[in-house]
Amino acid sequence: MTEPHIKRLSLLAYASFAVSKVIYFGESETDHTSMSPLVLAAELPKLLVFAIQDVRTQDDVERNSESIAIAIETVRKKVYLLIGSGYLPAYDPDIFFRIDVSEIASDRDGYLVRLDDVVAWLKTQGIEIGYSVNSLRNKNWDEDESEIINIGATEQITELNLDPADLPEELHVANIAFRAVTNGYGDKTATFKNRLIDYLEVNFIGLNNEAVQRIATVANPDKGRGRKKSITE
């Protein structure tokens, strides 16, 4: 995809309406341009849906309450899967340390997520949204500019059967599995590919064996032939 199908200036343009608080953690309490803000994982899906669908007022919510609720729940499942796999890093809300993927709890509502990590993920989905208004001013966009390419600004994404978080499905799954194993998932004595297979079989139980093998081959960085060494060998 050469052009994003959705553009927004900044997630922060929707934050005051979508989330209870934005947390800045860095050297300066006043200069936020050099920091990445964080939001609660529980509130991130709402922020993403509001930004993608350009929901800015309570009237927008009331007019499309049912479709917005469905979209938020869909995005929540995807976001929590990304957190659980280690693809989207999560941070402790008290000490701001990154949580190891092996220690991710089933209840992820209270974790913090950095918006720059979210922005990087959105780019892989063909969605261009920044997280800092100041950092994007060099694009010469007006602060209130909202543009959707190929999708009318008043049309509902769910009505078009378009999930903006979709990649081609197996490529998306391969991407998640690769990041999970890279971030430490699985038996450290096993080969990278076998750890990928284990992750896919545990987390994507709907995949048949052929699909698991195909995705693991794509996600495996070791393309050489012959017996593969484990990481500890």
Protein backbone atom coordinates (compact mmCIF):
# COMPACT_ATOMS: atom_id res chain seq x y z
CA MET A 1 0.00 0.00 0.00
CA THR A 2 1.70 3.20 -1.19
CA GLU A 3 -0.85 5.60 0.29
CA PRO A 4 -2.62 5.25 3.65
CA HIS A 5 -6.35 4.79 3.28
CA ILE A 6 -6.96 6.82 6.45
CA LYS A 7 -5.14 9.95 7.61
CA ARG A 8 -5.54 11.92 10.81
CA LEU A 9 -3.30 14.59 12.26
CA SER A 10 -2.97 13.18 15.77
CA LEU A 11 -4.49 10.75 18.23
CA LEU A 12 -4.27 13.54 20.79
CA ALA A 13 -6.94 15.45 18.87
CA TYR A 14 -9.40 12.76 20.06
CA ALA A 15 -7.88 11.99 23.46
CA SER A 16 -9.81 14.57 25.47
CA PHE A 17 -13.06 12.95 24.38
CA ALA A 18 -11.99 9.30 24.25
CA VAL A 19 -9.76 8.71 27.29
CA SER A 20 -9.77 9.75 30.94
CA LYS A 21 -6.12 10.81 30.97
CA VAL A 22 -2.95 10.99 28.91
CA ILE A 23 0.27 10.30 30.79
CA TYR A 24 3.56 11.92 29.86
CA PHE A 25 6.65 10.28 31.28
CA GLY A 26 9.96 11.94 30.49
CA GLU A 27 12.42 14.66 31.33
CA SER A 28 10.13 17.68 31.09
CA GLU A 29 6.65 18.29 32.44
CA THR A 30 6.04 21.17 30.03
CA ASP A 31 7.77 20.22 26.78
CA HIS A 32 5.75 17.25 25.53
CA THR A 33 7.13 17.33 22.00
CA SER A 34 10.03 15.02 22.87
CA MET A 35 7.96 12.46 24.79
CA SER A 36 5.63 9.70 23.83
CA PRO A 37 2.36 9.91 25.76
CA LEU A 38 0.81 6.79 27.25
CA VAL A 39 -2.82 5.79 27.71
CA LEU A 40 -4.55 2.95 29.50
CA ALA A 41 -4.92 -0.20 27.44
CA ALA A 42 -8.60 -0.31 28.42
CA GLU A 43 -9.17 3.09 26.78
CA LEU A 44 -6.97 2.62 23.72
CA PRO A 45 -9.63 0.83 21.58
CA LYS A 46 -12.07 3.70 22.08
CA LEU A 47 -9.38 6.23 21.17
CA LEU A 48 -8.51 4.32 18.00
CA VAL A 49 -12.11 3.95 16.88
CA PHE A 50 -12.85 7.62 17.54
CA ALA A 51 -9.77 8.66 15.55
CA ILE A 52 -10.43 6.28 12.66
CA GLN A 53 -14.10 7.20 12.40
CA ASP A 54 -13.48 10.88 13.23
CA VAL A 55 -15.78 10.86 16.26
CA ARG A 56 -15.43 14.21 17.99
CA THR A 57 -18.72 14.95 19.75
CA GLN A 58 -21.37 13.23 21.80
CA ASP A 59 -23.77 13.71 18.89
CA ASP A 60 -21.42 11.63 16.72
CA VAL A 61 -21.53 8.88 19.33
CA GLU A 62 -25.30 8.94 19.70
CA ARG A 63 -25.91 8.84 15.94
CA ASN A 64 -23.73 5.77 15.51
CA SER A 65 -23.70 4.24 18.99
CA GLU A 66 -24.31 0.64 17.91
CA SER A 67 -21.68 0.51 15.17
CA ILE A 68 -19.17 2.35 17.36
CA ALA A 69 -19.69 -0.13 20.22
CA ILE A 70 -19.14 -3.06 17.85
CA ALA A 71 -16.02 -1.44 16.41
CA ILE A 72 -14.56 -0.75 19.87
CA GLU A 73 -15.04 -4.37 20.94
CA THR A 74 -13.45 -5.61 17.70
CA VAL A 75 -10.44 -3.33 18.15
CA ARG A 76 -10.20 -4.29 21.84
CA LYS A 77 -9.75 -7.95 20.95
CA LYS A 78 -7.06 -7.09 18.42
CA VAL A 79 -5.21 -4.72 20.76
CA TYR A 80 -5.22 -7.23 23.62
CA LEU A 81 -3.94 -9.95 21.30
CA LEU A 82 -1.10 -7.65 20.23
CA ILE A 83 -0.27 -6.90 23.87
CA GLY A 84 -0.35 -10.58 24.78
CA SER A 85 1.98 -11.46 21.93
CA GLY A 86 4.47 -8.71 22.78
CA TYR A 87 3.90 -6.99 19.44
CA LEU A 88 2.46 -3.96 21.22
CA PRO A 89 4.57 -3.33 24.33
CA ALA A 90 2.76 -2.82 27.64
CA TYR A 91 4.02 -0.84 30.61
CA ASP A 92 3.44 -1.08 34.33
CA PRO A 93 1.18 1.79 35.44
CA ASP A 94 3.10 2.35 38.68
CA ILE A 95 6.78 2.12 37.73
CA PHE A 96 6.52 2.53 33.93
CA PHE A 97 8.71 -0.50 33.27
CA ARG A 98 7.97 -2.51 30.18
CA ILE A 99 6.25 -5.78 31.09
CA ASP A 100 7.90 -8.94 29.79
CA VAL A 101 5.70 -10.87 27.37
CA SER A 102 5.96 -13.96 29.58
CA GLU A 103 4.41 -11.98 32.47
CA ILE A 104 1.45 -10.48 30.61
CA ALA A 105 -1.71 -11.15 32.63
CA SER A 106 -5.08 -12.05 31.18
CA ASP A 107 -6.52 -8.82 32.62
CA ARG A 108 -4.78 -6.13 30.56
CA ASP A 109 -7.07 -3.18 31.25
CA GLY A 110 -4.69 -1.45 33.67
CA TYR A 111 -1.57 -1.63 31.52
CA LEU A 112 -0.21 1.47 29.81
CA VAL A 113 0.56 1.63 26.10
CA ARG A 114 2.79 4.19 24.40
CA LEU A 115 1.13 6.06 21.57
CA ASP A 116 4.26 6.00 19.42
CA ASP A 117 4.11 2.20 19.49
CA VAL A 118 0.45 2.41 18.49
CA VAL A 119 1.27 4.82 15.65
CA ALA A 120 3.96 2.45 14.35
CA TRP A 121 1.44 -0.41 14.32
CA LEU A 122 -1.20 1.71 12.60
CA LYS A 123 1.22 2.43 9.77
CA THR A 124 1.43 -1.30 9.05
CA GLN A 125 -2.35 -1.23 8.63
CA GLY A 126 -2.30 1.60 6.10
CA ILE A 127 -3.45 4.18 8.65
CA GLU A 128 -1.44 7.37 9.15
CA ILE A 129 -2.15 8.98 12.50
CA GLY A 130 0.43 10.81 14.59
CA TYR A 131 0.54 11.09 18.36
CA SER A 132 1.98 14.58 18.80
CA VAL A 133 0.51 17.63 17.11
CA ASN A 134 3.84 19.48 17.32
CA SER A 135 5.83 16.65 15.76
CA LEU A 136 3.52 16.60 12.73
CA ARG A 137 3.35 20.31 11.95
CA ASN A 138 6.09 19.91 9.35
CA LYS A 139 3.52 18.06 7.25
CA ASN A 140 1.72 21.40 6.75
CA TRP A 141 -1.59 19.93 7.90
CA ASP A 142 -4.05 22.12 9.74
CA GLU A 143 -4.56 20.94 13.30
CA ASP A 144 -8.21 20.16 12.64
CA GLU A 145 -7.63 18.49 9.30
CA SER A 146 -9.13 15.03 8.96
CA GLU A 147 -8.89 13.16 5.70
CA ILE A 148 -9.99 9.70 4.63
CA ILE A 149 -8.76 8.42 1.29
CA ASN A 150 -11.25 6.19 -0.52
CA ILE A 151 -13.68 6.31 2.40
CA GLY A 152 -16.10 9.20 2.90
CA ALA A 153 -15.72 10.95 6.23
CA THR A 154 -19.35 10.29 7.19
CA GLU A 155 -19.44 6.66 6.09
CA GLN A 156 -19.18 3.93 8.69
CA ILE A 157 -16.26 1.58 8.29
CA THR A 158 -18.30 -1.32 9.63
CA GLU A 159 -20.95 -0.74 6.97
CA LEU A 160 -18.30 -1.11 4.27
CA ASN A 161 -17.14 -4.39 5.79
CA LEU A 162 -13.65 -2.90 6.10
CA ASP A 163 -11.66 -3.57 9.23
CA PRO A 164 -8.97 -0.87 9.19
CA ALA A 165 -6.69 -3.08 11.29
CA ASP A 166 -6.56 -5.81 8.68
CA LEU A 167 -3.52 -6.99 6.81
CA PRO A 168 -3.83 -10.00 4.56
CA GLU A 169 -4.75 -12.41 7.33
CA GLU A 170 -1.81 -14.83 7.25
CA LEU A 171 0.69 -11.98 6.87
CA HIS A 172 -0.87 -10.28 9.89
CA VAL A 173 -0.65 -13.51 11.92
CA ALA A 174 2.96 -14.09 10.80
CA ASN A 175 3.84 -10.57 11.91
CA ILE A 176 2.32 -11.12 15.36
CA ALA A 177 3.98 -14.52 15.81
CA PHE A 178 7.39 -13.21 14.73
CA ARG A 179 7.25 -10.36 17.23
CA ALA A 180 6.08 -12.67 20.02
CA VAL A 181 8.98 -15.10 19.55
CA THR A 182 11.47 -12.27 19.05
CA ASN A 183 10.30 -10.82 22.38
CA GLY A 184 10.91 -14.08 24.20
CA TYR A 185 7.92 -16.36 23.73
CA GLY A 186 8.48 -20.10 23.98
CA ASP A 187 11.12 -22.64 24.90
CA LYS A 188 14.51 -20.96 24.54
CA THR A 189 16.11 -24.31 23.62
CA ALA A 190 13.79 -24.79 20.64
CA THR A 191 14.40 -23.45 17.15
CA PHE A 192 12.82 -20.18 16.13
CA LYS A 193 10.47 -21.94 13.73
CA ASN A 194 9.33 -24.46 16.32
CA ARG A 195 8.63 -21.63 18.76
CA LEU A 196 6.59 -19.94 16.03
CA ILE A 197 4.62 -23.15 15.49
CA ASP A 198 4.00 -23.50 19.21
CA TYR A 199 2.78 -19.90 19.44
CA LEU A 200 0.45 -20.31 16.46
CA GLU A 201 -1.02 -23.56 17.76
CA VAL A 202 -1.69 -22.02 21.19
CA ASN A 203 -2.97 -18.62 20.11
CA PHE A 204 -4.58 -19.29 16.72
CA ILE A 205 -6.39 -22.57 17.28
CA GLY A 206 -8.53 -22.10 14.18
CA LEU A 207 -5.55 -22.56 11.85
CA ASN A 208 -5.07 -25.96 10.25
CA ASN A 209 -1.64 -27.59 10.19
CA GLU A 210 -0.93 -26.52 6.61
CA ALA A 211 -1.59 -22.88 7.47
CA VAL A 212 0.54 -23.10 10.63
CA GLN A 213 3.48 -24.50 8.66
CA ARG A 214 3.07 -21.90 5.92
CA ILE A 215 2.91 -18.97 8.34
CA ALA A 216 5.83 -20.29 10.41
CA THR A 217 7.93 -20.56 7.25
CA VAL A 218 7.13 -16.97 6.30
CA ALA A 219 7.83 -15.62 9.80
CA ASN A 220 11.02 -17.64 10.33
CA PRO A 221 14.07 -15.41 9.71
CA ASP A 222 16.35 -18.44 9.19
CA LYS A 223 15.76 -19.42 5.56
CA GLY A 224 18.78 -21.72 5.33
CA ARG A 225 18.47 -25.44 4.70
CA GLY A 226 19.50 -28.26 6.97
CA ARG A 227 19.10 -28.86 10.68
CA LYS A 228 18.38 -25.61 12.50
CA LYS A 229 20.18 -24.77 15.69
CA SER A 230 18.26 -23.60 18.71
CA ILE A 231 19.07 -20.18 20.13
CA THR A 232 21.06 -21.69 22.99
CA GLU A 233 23.13 -24.00 20.84
